[in-house]
């Protein structure tokens, strides 16, 4: 993630004074407030305000003096590691990375997808809730990652397709599913079996999954 583990250098003293442990974020405005910095000698954690940074390079963050550090009395909350859920309880995975444009948070990235920060509705201790904005005519980019190399639909093509955040609307080419095995069984509307655990997906199964609005479950059940 951007600037994590970079060495913080005191310009006046000409010495290394710690390294960046995490981003400190204002959850309401989605703006970066600064960084949590760890002193390697004492292992104490400090807050470095963004406004006190002179410059940032590939490996270093330059500040005038350690006097700009503020003591952290308690650990700042981080988005990393939090689970992402929608209001219906569907889990989009755990946050692994944050993408910023300038100081503003642009996207959160899980092991399953990327979600625009505009769709964050609430941030809790362990859960980040996301949802579709009130104007349902507007669409968001929802980019699925970790597709196998033999997928007929490329990452670039998926990124170019605006898809609603509702997971039941995720659509891929039927050819992508065919020939893959599933890690768990998928049931239909009337609790009828669409595909059993360990079974190979056929075109008929894909069509049946479409009829029962279970393509999303089929996507995440695929063995990769």
Protein backbone atom coordinates (compact mmCIF):
# COMPACT_ATOMS: atom_id res chain seq x y z
CA UNK A 1 0.00 0.00 0.00
CA UNK A 2 1.08 3.56 -0.69
CA UNK A 3 3.98 4.69 1.57
CA UNK A 4 3.66 1.81 4.05
CA UNK A 5 7.10 0.76 5.43
CA UNK A 6 8.82 3.86 4.06
CA UNK A 7 11.57 5.27 6.30
CA UNK A 8 10.89 8.64 7.95
CA UNK A 9 13.92 10.94 8.00
CA UNK A 10 14.51 13.94 10.30
CA UNK A 11 16.05 16.57 7.99
CA UNK A 12 17.49 18.75 10.79
CA UNK A 13 19.23 15.85 12.53
CA UNK A 14 19.94 13.92 9.35
CA UNK A 15 18.79 10.61 10.80
CA UNK A 16 16.13 7.95 10.43
CA UNK A 17 13.42 8.31 13.08
CA UNK A 18 11.04 5.46 12.25
CA UNK A 19 8.96 3.88 9.52
CA UNK A 20 5.35 4.18 8.35
CA UNK A 21 3.09 1.52 9.85
CA UNK A 22 -0.29 2.64 8.53
CA UNK A 23 -2.36 5.43 7.00
CA UNK A 24 -4.45 7.54 9.38
CA UNK A 25 -7.75 8.30 7.66
CA UNK A 26 -10.67 10.60 8.38
CA UNK A 27 -13.51 8.17 7.68
CA UNK A 28 -16.10 10.91 7.16
CA UNK A 29 -14.26 12.99 4.57
CA UNK A 30 -12.24 10.01 3.18
CA UNK A 31 -9.17 12.24 3.46
CA UNK A 32 -5.73 11.09 4.58
CA UNK A 33 -4.86 12.85 7.86
CA UNK A 34 -1.33 11.49 8.04
CA UNK A 35 0.56 8.36 9.01
CA UNK A 36 1.14 6.16 12.01
CA UNK A 37 4.94 6.01 12.45
CA UNK A 38 6.84 3.49 14.59
CA UNK A 39 10.12 4.30 16.32
CA UNK A 40 12.23 1.19 15.73
CA UNK A 41 14.26 1.66 18.94
CA UNK A 42 11.43 2.22 21.42
CA UNK A 43 8.61 0.65 19.34
CA UNK A 44 6.44 3.63 20.32
CA UNK A 45 3.85 4.73 17.78
CA UNK A 46 3.41 8.36 16.73
CA UNK A 47 1.05 10.32 14.50
CA UNK A 48 2.72 12.21 11.65
CA UNK A 49 0.35 14.90 10.26
CA UNK A 50 0.26 15.00 6.47
CA UNK A 51 0.83 18.77 6.54
CA UNK A 52 4.23 18.31 8.23
CA UNK A 53 5.70 16.20 5.42
CA UNK A 54 8.32 17.98 3.29
CA UNK A 55 8.66 15.34 0.56
CA UNK A 56 8.03 11.69 -0.25
CA UNK A 57 10.30 9.56 -2.43
CA UNK A 58 10.30 5.89 -3.40
CA UNK A 59 11.84 4.84 -0.07
CA UNK A 60 11.77 7.85 2.28
CA UNK A 61 9.48 10.46 3.84
CA UNK A 62 11.28 13.68 4.81
CA UNK A 63 10.18 15.83 7.77
CA UNK A 64 11.85 18.84 9.43
CA UNK A 65 12.04 17.36 12.91
CA UNK A 66 10.61 14.66 15.16
CA UNK A 67 9.01 17.53 17.09
CA UNK A 68 6.13 17.36 14.58
CA UNK A 69 5.25 13.87 15.85
CA UNK A 70 2.19 13.58 18.08
CA UNK A 71 1.98 10.79 20.66
CA UNK A 72 -0.75 8.21 20.01
CA UNK A 73 -2.51 7.40 23.25
CA UNK A 74 -4.46 4.63 21.56
CA UNK A 75 -4.09 2.71 18.31
CA UNK A 76 -5.59 4.52 15.33
CA UNK A 77 -8.25 2.51 13.52
CA UNK A 78 -7.20 1.05 10.20
CA UNK A 79 -9.36 -0.09 7.29
CA UNK A 80 -6.88 -2.86 6.49
CA UNK A 81 -8.20 -6.24 7.57
CA UNK A 82 -11.82 -5.14 7.99
CA UNK A 83 -14.51 -7.23 6.26
CA UNK A 84 -16.66 -5.52 3.60
CA UNK A 85 -20.40 -6.29 3.64
CA UNK A 86 -23.46 -4.89 1.93
CA UNK A 87 -26.78 -4.30 3.69
CA UNK A 88 -27.99 -7.80 2.76
CA UNK A 89 -24.99 -9.40 4.45
CA UNK A 90 -23.07 -10.34 1.30
CA UNK A 91 -19.32 -10.35 2.02
CA UNK A 92 -16.94 -8.82 -0.53
CA UNK A 93 -13.85 -10.03 1.34
CA UNK A 94 -11.35 -8.32 3.65
CA UNK A 95 -9.60 -5.06 2.78
CA UNK A 96 -6.01 -5.65 1.69
CA UNK A 97 -5.11 -2.30 0.13
CA UNK A 98 -6.19 1.35 -0.05
CA UNK A 99 -5.81 3.41 -3.22
CA UNK A 100 -5.53 7.20 -2.88
CA UNK A 101 -5.73 10.02 -5.40
CA UNK A 102 -3.77 12.76 -3.68
CA UNK A 103 -5.03 12.79 -0.09
CA UNK A 104 -8.46 11.38 -0.92
CA UNK A 105 -9.28 7.69 -0.63
CA UNK A 106 -10.32 6.49 -4.10
CA UNK A 107 -10.84 2.73 -3.70
CA UNK A 108 -10.71 -0.07 -1.19
CA UNK A 109 -9.27 -3.33 -2.50
CA UNK A 110 -10.17 -6.77 -1.13
CA UNK A 111 -8.98 -10.19 -2.25
CA UNK A 112 -12.13 -10.34 -4.40
CA UNK A 113 -12.65 -6.90 -5.87
CA UNK A 114 -12.13 -3.14 -5.90
CA UNK A 115 -14.88 -0.85 -4.59
CA UNK A 116 -15.09 2.92 -4.97
CA UNK A 117 -14.86 4.82 -1.68
CA UNK A 118 -18.08 6.60 -2.72
CA UNK A 119 -19.94 3.39 -1.92
CA UNK A 120 -18.73 3.20 1.70
CA UNK A 121 -21.76 3.80 3.90
CA UNK A 122 -20.42 3.10 7.38
CA UNK A 123 -17.16 2.06 9.07
CA UNK A 124 -17.32 -0.05 12.22
CA UNK A 125 -14.73 -1.73 14.44
CA UNK A 126 -14.56 -4.84 12.25
CA UNK A 127 -16.96 -4.23 9.36
CA UNK A 128 -17.15 -1.72 6.50
CA UNK A 129 -20.66 -1.47 5.02
CA UNK A 130 -21.06 -0.58 1.36
CA UNK A 131 -24.11 0.01 -0.80
CA UNK A 132 -25.54 1.51 -3.98
CA UNK A 133 -26.06 5.25 -3.91
CA UNK A 134 -29.63 6.57 -3.96
CA UNK A 135 -29.47 7.41 -7.66
CA UNK A 136 -29.71 3.85 -8.98
CA UNK A 137 -29.23 4.97 -12.57
CA UNK A 138 -25.61 5.69 -11.77
CA UNK A 139 -23.31 2.72 -11.99
CA UNK A 140 -20.04 1.90 -10.26
CA UNK A 141 -17.00 0.06 -11.46
CA UNK A 142 -16.72 -3.26 -9.68
CA UNK A 143 -13.53 -5.06 -10.71
CA UNK A 144 -13.13 -8.75 -9.91
CA UNK A 145 -9.56 -9.95 -9.49
CA UNK A 146 -7.80 -13.33 -9.23
CA UNK A 147 -9.34 -14.77 -12.40
CA UNK A 148 -7.54 -17.82 -13.75
CA UNK A 149 -5.29 -17.41 -16.80
CA UNK A 150 -7.60 -19.40 -19.08
CA UNK A 151 -10.51 -16.98 -18.56
CA UNK A 152 -12.01 -15.78 -21.84
CA UNK A 153 -13.02 -12.49 -20.23
CA UNK A 154 -9.89 -10.44 -19.46
CA UNK A 155 -9.36 -8.18 -16.45
CA UNK A 156 -9.30 -5.21 -18.81
CA UNK A 157 -12.69 -6.16 -20.26
CA UNK A 158 -14.19 -6.57 -16.78
CA UNK A 159 -12.84 -3.18 -15.72
CA UNK A 160 -14.47 -1.57 -18.74
CA UNK A 161 -17.90 -2.94 -17.84
CA UNK A 162 -19.83 -0.76 -15.36
CA UNK A 163 -21.65 -3.16 -13.02
CA UNK A 164 -24.02 -2.39 -10.16
CA UNK A 165 -22.60 -3.07 -6.69
CA UNK A 166 -25.36 -5.62 -6.11
CA UNK A 167 -23.45 -8.95 -6.44
CA UNK A 168 -26.39 -10.67 -8.12
CA UNK A 169 -25.86 -8.45 -11.17
CA UNK A 170 -22.28 -9.59 -11.85
CA UNK A 171 -22.17 -11.15 -15.34
CA UNK A 172 -19.34 -12.95 -17.15
CA UNK A 173 -19.20 -14.96 -20.37
CA UNK A 174 -20.71 -18.45 -19.95
CA UNK A 175 -17.49 -19.87 -21.40
CA UNK A 176 -15.62 -18.65 -18.31
CA UNK A 177 -17.50 -21.06 -16.03
CA UNK A 178 -17.58 -24.16 -18.25
CA UNK A 179 -15.07 -26.88 -17.35
CA UNK A 180 -14.29 -25.57 -13.86
CA UNK A 181 -15.13 -27.45 -10.65
CA UNK A 182 -16.88 -25.92 -7.66
CA UNK A 183 -15.82 -25.92 -4.00
CA UNK A 184 -19.36 -26.06 -2.63
CA UNK A 185 -22.89 -26.95 -3.64
CA UNK A 186 -25.30 -24.30 -4.96
CA UNK A 187 -29.04 -24.50 -4.38
CA UNK A 188 -31.89 -22.91 -6.36
CA UNK A 189 -34.98 -20.95 -5.34
CA UNK A 190 -36.88 -24.04 -4.12
CA UNK A 191 -33.80 -25.56 -2.46
CA UNK A 192 -33.19 -27.70 -5.52
CA UNK A 193 -29.61 -28.66 -6.34
CA UNK A 194 -28.07 -26.68 -9.19
CA UNK A 195 -24.57 -28.15 -8.83
CA UNK A 196 -22.97 -30.42 -6.23
CA UNK A 197 -19.63 -29.84 -4.51
CA UNK A 198 -16.75 -31.04 -6.70
CA UNK A 199 -18.90 -31.22 -9.83
CA UNK A 200 -17.70 -29.80 -13.17
CA UNK A 201 -19.65 -26.84 -14.56
CA UNK A 202 -21.41 -27.37 -17.90
CA UNK A 203 -23.29 -24.90 -20.09
CA UNK A 204 -26.55 -26.39 -18.88
CA UNK A 205 -25.55 -25.68 -15.27
CA UNK A 206 -24.63 -22.09 -16.18
CA UNK A 207 -28.05 -21.57 -17.79
CA UNK A 208 -29.75 -23.08 -14.75
CA UNK A 209 -27.77 -20.81 -12.45
CA UNK A 210 -28.92 -17.82 -14.52
CA UNK A 211 -32.58 -18.86 -14.18
CA UNK A 212 -32.21 -19.08 -10.42
CA UNK A 213 -30.18 -15.84 -10.18
CA UNK A 214 -27.21 -17.77 -8.78
CA UNK A 215 -24.42 -16.74 -11.17
CA UNK A 216 -22.72 -14.74 -8.46
CA UNK A 217 -22.67 -17.73 -6.08
CA UNK A 218 -21.35 -19.86 -8.93
CA UNK A 219 -18.53 -17.37 -9.59
CA UNK A 220 -17.28 -17.44 -5.99
CA UNK A 221 -17.70 -21.22 -5.73
CA UNK A 222 -15.34 -21.90 -8.64
CA UNK A 223 -12.13 -23.71 -7.74
CA UNK A 224 -9.11 -21.60 -8.72
